[in-house]
Amino acid sequence: MLSRTADHLFWMSRYTERAENTARMLDVNYQTSLLPQSQAVALVGWQGLISISELLPAYTELHGDIAAREVMNFMVKDESNPSSIISCLGAARENARAVRGTLTTEVWETLNTTWLEVKRMIKAGEFEADPSRFFEWVKFRSHLSRGVTVGTMLMDEALYFMRLGTFLERADNTARLVDVKFHAVQSDFFGAASEKDQEYDFYHWSAILRSVSGFEVYRKVYRDVIKPERVAELLILRADMPRSLHASLNAVVNNLSLVASDPNSETQRRAGKLAAELKYGLIDEILATGLHAYLTQFLDRVNDLGANISREYLIPAAA
C-alpha cells in the first residue's frame, strides 16, 4: 500500500474517534453541570475538559475566562479549533475523500453523510436546543462508521491502518481523561471524607465511567460501590474493558503485526513493550508511584509510538 494512502486512512479513523471522545467528555460534563454544585466546582470541570485536549491557551486567547457555553461552542462548532467536533468530522471526511477508491461505498457514504448532517444540525441550532441529543448523535455516527468499516471492508492493510488509527487515538484520549478527572477530586482517595464529599465523589466517578461507557461494566466486574482505585484499574489495566489503555494497546500491537514487513521493527518493539507493562502491571504499584506521573509517561510513549508509526509507515515517499 502507498504510504500516503495509509496516512489518509490512519488519520481518517483518528479524527472520527477523536470526535466521538470529545462528544463523550462534553456530554458527561454537561450532565454533571446540571447537578447541585458551586460555580467554582462547575468551572473546574469545564477547565479540566479544555485541559484534556491541551487547548487552554487557545481557548483563553479567544474567549478569556472559562464559561460553560463558550467551552461547548469552542469544542463543538469552532472551526478554528482543530480538535472541535466539526473540525474532526470535516478532517475525517477530507481524508476519506482523498482515498475514496480504497473505501467501500458504504464507508464513504457514512462519513460523507455525517459531515453534511453535522453542518446542517449546527446551522439549524439543534446543538443549542438539546446538547445531549447532539452528543448522542455524534457517538452513534462514530459507532456506525466503525461497524460499517468492519462489516464491509476487505480484511487487508487498508482496514488494519484504519483500526490502528482508531485504537491509538483511543489510548491517548482515555489516558488524558483519567489523568485530568482524577486530579479534579479534592478529597483523598483513601482518607475519610464528609458525607457531602462522598456524594460528590460518587457522581464524579460515575461520570468518568459513563464517559467511556464503563458504568455498567464496572458493576458487572466489581459488584461493589464505586471506588477510585478500581475505576483506575478498569480504565488502565483491564484488557476486557473496550476503552481501557490495555485493550487499546493490545489492538495497536495486533494491527501493527498485520502491516509490519520487518519482524525486528522498532515500532513493534515499543508497542509490544508498552502492552506488556499494562498486562503485568498492578494498580497498587501505579498508585504508589503516582498516577499523574504514570499517565504523563504513558502519553509521552503513545505520542512517541505515533511518531514512529508515521516515520515507518505513513510519510509519503518522495516523488
Protein backbone atom coordinates (compact mmCIF):
# COMPACT_ATOMS: atom_id res chain seq x y z
CA MET A 1 0.00 0.00 0.00
CA LEU A 2 1.21 3.53 -0.79
CA SER A 3 2.29 5.31 2.38
CA ARG A 4 0.18 8.38 1.55
CA THR A 5 -2.92 6.16 1.26
CA ALA A 6 -2.14 4.54 4.60
CA ASP A 7 -1.67 8.02 6.08
CA HIS A 8 -5.13 9.18 4.96
CA LEU A 9 -6.81 6.02 6.28
CA PHE A 10 -4.97 6.24 9.60
CA TRP A 11 -5.92 9.88 10.18
CA MET A 12 -9.47 9.42 8.91
CA SER A 13 -10.04 6.94 11.75
CA ARG A 14 -8.18 9.01 14.33
CA TYR A 15 -10.33 12.06 13.63
CA THR A 16 -13.56 10.05 13.78
CA GLU A 17 -12.51 8.57 17.13
CA ARG A 18 -11.47 12.00 18.41
CA ALA A 19 -14.87 13.47 17.55
CA GLU A 20 -16.56 10.67 19.50
CA ASN A 21 -14.31 11.09 22.53
CA THR A 22 -14.89 14.84 22.55
CA ALA A 23 -18.65 14.25 22.42
CA ARG A 24 -18.41 11.76 25.30
CA MET A 25 -16.49 14.16 27.54
CA LEU A 26 -18.70 17.14 26.71
CA ASP A 27 -21.89 15.17 27.32
CA VAL A 28 -20.79 13.91 30.74
CA ASN A 29 -19.54 17.36 31.75
CA TYR A 30 -22.81 18.93 30.62
CA GLN A 31 -24.88 16.36 32.56
CA THR A 32 -22.76 16.80 35.70
CA SER A 33 -23.02 20.57 35.48
CA LEU A 34 -26.80 20.23 35.95
CA LEU A 35 -26.28 18.67 39.42
CA PRO A 36 -26.36 20.90 42.53
CA GLN A 37 -22.81 22.27 42.96
CA SER A 38 -20.99 25.53 43.48
CA GLN A 39 -20.00 27.64 40.49
CA ALA A 40 -16.31 27.14 41.37
CA VAL A 41 -16.64 23.34 41.19
CA ALA A 42 -18.50 23.57 37.89
CA LEU A 43 -15.80 25.81 36.39
CA VAL A 44 -13.08 23.35 37.46
CA GLY A 45 -14.89 20.69 35.44
CA TRP A 46 -15.04 22.82 32.29
CA GLN A 47 -11.43 23.90 32.67
CA GLY A 48 -10.40 20.26 33.06
CA LEU A 49 -12.20 19.40 29.84
CA ILE A 50 -10.23 22.04 27.92
CA SER A 51 -7.01 20.87 29.60
CA ILE A 52 -7.57 17.27 28.47
CA SER A 53 -7.05 18.38 24.86
CA GLU A 54 -4.28 20.84 25.78
CA LEU A 55 -6.38 23.69 24.40
CA LEU A 56 -6.47 26.02 27.41
CA PRO A 57 -4.12 28.65 25.91
CA ALA A 58 -6.03 28.66 22.59
CA TYR A 59 -9.37 28.97 24.39
CA THR A 60 -8.16 31.73 26.74
CA GLU A 61 -6.80 33.75 23.82
CA LEU A 62 -10.19 33.64 22.09
CA HIS A 63 -12.66 33.77 24.98
CA GLY A 64 -10.82 34.76 28.15
CA ASP A 65 -12.46 33.35 31.28
CA ILE A 66 -13.90 29.84 31.41
CA ALA A 67 -17.68 29.71 30.79
CA ALA A 68 -19.73 26.58 30.14
CA ARG A 69 -21.46 27.83 26.98
CA GLU A 70 -18.24 29.22 25.49
CA VAL A 71 -16.36 25.97 26.18
CA MET A 72 -19.08 23.90 24.49
CA ASN A 73 -19.17 26.19 21.46
CA PHE A 74 -15.36 26.09 21.24
CA MET A 75 -15.28 22.29 21.43
CA VAL A 76 -18.26 21.65 19.13
CA LYS A 77 -18.56 24.20 16.33
CA ASP A 78 -15.45 26.39 16.32
CA GLU A 79 -13.69 25.53 13.04
CA SER A 80 -10.56 27.41 14.17
CA ASN A 81 -10.15 24.73 16.85
CA PRO A 82 -8.65 21.64 15.14
CA SER A 83 -9.98 19.40 17.92
CA SER A 84 -13.59 20.60 17.80
CA ILE A 85 -16.22 18.08 16.73
CA ILE A 86 -16.97 19.86 13.46
CA SER A 87 -13.23 20.16 12.63
CA CYS A 88 -12.61 16.47 13.38
CA LEU A 89 -15.58 15.27 11.31
CA GLY A 90 -14.54 17.57 8.46
CA ALA A 91 -10.95 16.29 8.58
CA ALA A 92 -12.18 12.67 8.64
CA ARG A 93 -14.33 13.33 5.57
CA GLU A 94 -11.48 15.04 3.68
CA ASN A 95 -9.09 12.17 4.40
CA ALA A 96 -11.76 9.72 3.24
CA ARG A 97 -12.33 11.73 0.05
CA ALA A 98 -8.60 11.56 -0.73
CA VAL A 99 -8.71 7.74 -0.74
CA ARG A 100 -12.28 7.31 -1.99
CA GLY A 101 -11.27 4.41 -4.25
CA THR A 102 -9.86 2.43 -1.33
CA LEU A 103 -13.08 2.61 0.70
CA THR A 104 -16.32 0.73 0.14
CA THR A 105 -19.32 2.80 -0.94
CA GLU A 106 -20.94 2.23 2.48
CA VAL A 107 -17.93 3.60 4.39
CA TRP A 108 -17.65 6.69 2.19
CA GLU A 109 -21.38 7.43 2.31
CA THR A 110 -21.44 7.07 6.10
CA LEU A 111 -18.60 9.56 6.60
CA ASN A 112 -19.88 11.97 3.95
CA THR A 113 -23.44 11.90 5.32
CA THR A 114 -22.11 12.50 8.85
CA TRP A 115 -20.26 15.62 7.68
CA LEU A 116 -23.22 17.02 5.72
CA GLU A 117 -25.63 16.29 8.57
CA VAL A 118 -23.48 17.82 11.32
CA LYS A 119 -23.21 21.06 9.32
CA ARG A 120 -26.98 21.11 8.87
CA MET A 121 -27.63 20.42 12.57
CA ILE A 122 -25.31 23.17 13.77
CA LYS A 123 -26.70 25.67 11.28
CA ALA A 124 -30.25 24.79 12.39
CA GLY A 125 -29.35 25.35 16.06
CA GLU A 126 -30.03 21.73 17.05
CA PHE A 127 -26.89 21.61 19.21
CA GLU A 128 -28.02 24.56 21.34
CA ALA A 129 -31.59 23.24 21.52
CA ASP A 130 -30.54 19.86 23.01
CA PRO A 131 -26.79 19.36 23.60
CA SER A 132 -27.16 15.81 24.99
CA ARG A 133 -29.12 14.65 21.97
CA PHE A 134 -26.47 16.16 19.68
CA PHE A 135 -23.64 14.38 21.56
CA GLU A 136 -25.51 11.07 21.39
CA TRP A 137 -25.85 11.56 17.64
CA VAL A 138 -22.08 12.11 17.26
CA LYS A 139 -21.36 8.94 19.25
CA PHE A 140 -23.90 6.98 17.20
CA ARG A 141 -22.33 8.12 13.90
CA SER A 142 -18.89 7.08 15.13
CA HIS A 143 -20.24 3.66 16.14
CA LEU A 144 -21.93 3.37 12.76
CA SER A 145 -18.71 4.29 10.97
CA ARG A 146 -16.72 1.59 12.80
CA GLY A 147 -19.44 -1.01 12.26
CA VAL A 148 -19.70 -0.29 8.53
CA THR A 149 -15.90 -0.37 8.24
CA VAL A 150 -15.54 -3.77 9.89
CA GLY A 151 -18.63 -5.12 8.14
CA THR A 152 -17.81 -4.09 4.56
CA MET A 153 -14.05 -3.53 4.15
CA LEU A 154 -11.75 -6.27 2.86
CA MET A 155 -9.53 -7.55 5.67
CA ASP A 156 -6.33 -6.15 4.24
CA GLU A 157 -3.84 -3.39 5.03
CA ALA A 158 -6.40 -0.62 4.47
CA LEU A 159 -8.56 -1.94 7.30
CA TYR A 160 -5.55 -2.55 9.55
CA PHE A 161 -4.32 1.06 9.21
CA MET A 162 -7.82 2.33 9.97
CA ARG A 163 -8.02 0.19 13.09
CA LEU A 164 -4.52 1.28 14.09
CA GLY A 165 -5.59 4.93 13.99
CA THR A 166 -8.75 4.23 15.99
CA PHE A 167 -7.04 2.45 18.87
CA LEU A 168 -4.01 4.72 19.12
CA GLU A 169 -6.35 7.71 19.40
CA ARG A 170 -8.48 5.88 21.96
CA ALA A 171 -5.46 5.10 24.15
CA ASP A 172 -4.40 8.75 24.07
CA ASN A 173 -7.87 10.08 24.92
CA THR A 174 -8.55 7.61 27.75
CA ALA A 175 -5.19 8.41 29.38
CA ARG A 176 -5.91 12.15 29.21
CA LEU A 177 -9.39 11.66 30.63
CA VAL A 178 -8.20 9.57 33.59
CA ASP A 179 -5.34 11.96 34.35
CA VAL A 180 -7.43 15.15 34.37
CA LYS A 181 -10.53 13.73 36.02
CA PHE A 182 -8.65 12.05 38.88
CA HIS A 183 -6.97 15.36 39.63
CA ALA A 184 -10.33 17.10 39.83
CA VAL A 185 -11.30 15.22 43.01
CA GLN A 186 -10.24 17.16 46.07
CA SER A 187 -10.72 14.52 48.79
CA ASP A 188 -8.06 11.89 49.40
CA PHE A 189 -8.65 8.59 47.57
CA PHE A 190 -8.47 6.55 50.72
CA GLY A 191 -8.99 9.04 53.53
CA ALA A 192 -12.13 9.86 55.46
CA ALA A 193 -14.44 12.20 53.59
CA SER A 194 -17.52 14.06 54.69
CA GLU A 195 -20.94 12.81 53.62
CA LYS A 196 -21.20 15.69 51.15
CA ASP A 197 -17.75 14.84 49.70
CA GLN A 198 -18.71 11.18 49.38
CA GLU A 199 -21.89 12.13 47.50
CA TYR A 200 -19.97 14.41 45.14
CA ASP A 201 -17.28 11.75 44.60
CA PHE A 202 -19.92 9.15 43.70
CA TYR A 203 -21.30 11.38 40.92
CA HIS A 204 -17.77 12.27 39.85
CA TRP A 205 -16.61 8.64 39.48
CA SER A 206 -19.93 7.68 37.88
CA ALA A 207 -19.43 10.47 35.33
CA ILE A 208 -15.93 9.24 34.49
CA LEU A 209 -17.25 5.72 33.95
CA ARG A 210 -20.19 6.90 31.85
CA SER A 211 -17.87 8.95 29.62
CA VAL A 212 -16.24 5.69 28.47
CA SER A 213 -19.44 3.58 28.60
CA GLY A 214 -17.99 1.84 31.63
CA PHE A 215 -20.64 2.30 34.34
CA GLU A 216 -22.48 -1.00 33.71
CA VAL A 217 -19.16 -2.73 33.02
CA TYR A 218 -17.87 -1.61 36.43
CA ARG A 219 -20.96 -3.00 38.17
CA LYS A 220 -20.61 -6.31 36.35
CA VAL A 221 -16.88 -6.69 37.05
CA TYR A 222 -16.61 -5.45 40.64
CA ARG A 223 -20.16 -5.82 42.03
CA ASP A 224 -19.37 -3.16 44.61
CA VAL A 225 -19.65 0.55 45.33
CA ILE A 226 -17.59 2.76 43.05
CA LYS A 227 -14.04 3.12 44.38
CA PRO A 228 -11.42 5.34 42.71
CA GLU A 229 -8.67 2.70 42.70
CA ARG A 230 -10.98 0.27 40.91
CA VAL A 231 -12.07 2.90 38.41
CA ALA A 232 -8.38 3.47 37.65
CA GLU A 233 -7.76 -0.27 37.34
CA LEU A 234 -10.73 -0.71 34.98
CA LEU A 235 -9.70 2.13 32.68
CA ILE A 236 -5.98 1.36 32.69
CA LEU A 237 -5.30 -2.36 33.20
CA ARG A 238 -8.42 -4.37 32.31
CA ALA A 239 -7.88 -5.99 28.90
CA ASP A 240 -11.60 -6.84 28.66
CA MET A 241 -12.73 -3.21 29.02
CA PRO A 242 -13.07 -1.96 25.40
CA ARG A 243 -11.84 1.60 26.01
CA SER A 244 -9.09 0.81 28.54
CA LEU A 245 -5.42 1.55 27.90
CA HIS A 246 -4.63 -2.17 27.95
CA ALA A 247 -7.33 -3.11 25.42
CA SER A 248 -6.35 -0.21 23.14
CA LEU A 249 -2.64 -1.13 23.18
CA ASN A 250 -3.43 -4.80 22.53
CA ALA A 251 -5.34 -3.72 19.41
CA VAL A 252 -2.47 -1.44 18.32
CA VAL A 253 0.02 -4.32 18.67
CA ASN A 254 -2.24 -6.74 16.77
CA ASN A 255 -2.79 -4.35 13.86
CA LEU A 256 0.88 -3.37 13.73
CA SER A 257 1.83 -7.03 13.38
CA LEU A 258 -0.51 -7.28 10.36
CA VAL A 259 1.10 -4.38 8.48
CA ALA A 260 4.74 -4.81 9.54
CA SER A 261 7.20 -6.02 6.94
CA ASP A 262 10.20 -6.09 9.29
CA PRO A 263 9.94 -8.65 12.13
CA ASN A 264 12.53 -6.59 14.09
CA SER A 265 10.58 -3.34 13.72
CA GLU A 266 11.41 -0.79 16.42
CA THR A 267 7.80 0.44 16.32
CA GLN A 268 6.51 -3.06 17.07
CA ARG A 269 9.03 -3.50 19.88
CA ARG A 270 7.94 -0.28 21.59
CA ALA A 271 4.25 -1.05 21.21
CA GLY A 272 4.75 -4.60 22.49
CA LYS A 273 6.76 -3.40 25.49
CA LEU A 274 4.07 -0.88 26.46
CA ALA A 275 1.31 -3.50 26.09
CA ALA A 276 3.32 -5.99 28.20
CA GLU A 277 3.73 -3.45 31.01
CA LEU A 278 -0.04 -2.93 31.03
CA LYS A 279 -0.63 -6.70 31.00
CA TYR A 280 1.55 -7.34 34.03
CA GLY A 281 1.01 -4.04 35.85
CA LEU A 282 -0.69 -3.73 39.24
CA ILE A 283 -2.88 -0.78 40.14
CA ASP A 284 -1.42 -0.63 43.69
CA GLU A 285 2.06 -0.12 42.23
CA ILE A 286 0.81 2.56 39.82
CA LEU A 287 -0.98 4.48 42.59
CA ALA A 288 2.01 4.12 44.94
CA THR A 289 4.39 5.68 42.42
CA GLY A 290 1.87 8.35 41.36
CA LEU A 291 -0.99 8.14 38.88
CA HIS A 292 -0.24 11.51 37.26
CA ALA A 293 3.43 10.63 36.71
CA TYR A 294 2.46 7.24 35.27
CA LEU A 295 -0.11 8.68 32.84
CA THR A 296 2.18 11.54 31.78
CA GLN A 297 4.83 8.99 30.89
CA PHE A 298 2.25 6.82 29.14
CA LEU A 299 1.10 9.77 26.99
CA ASP A 300 4.70 10.58 26.07
CA ARG A 301 5.23 6.99 24.98
CA VAL A 302 1.98 6.88 22.99
CA ASN A 303 2.96 10.10 21.20
CA ASP A 304 6.39 8.62 20.54
CA LEU A 305 4.72 5.47 19.21
CA GLY A 306 2.55 7.57 16.88
CA ALA A 307 5.65 9.38 15.59
CA ASN A 308 7.36 6.03 14.95
CA ILE A 309 4.31 4.73 13.07
CA SER A 310 4.37 7.87 10.91
CA ARG A 311 8.08 7.51 10.15
CA GLU A 312 7.89 3.81 9.38
CA TYR A 313 4.59 3.54 7.52
CA LEU A 314 2.80 6.81 6.82
CA ILE A 315 5.08 9.55 5.47
CA PRO A 316 4.58 9.74 1.70
CA ALA A 317 7.60 8.63 -0.28
CA ALA A 318 9.40 11.33 -2.25
CA ALA A 319 8.17 11.61 -5.81
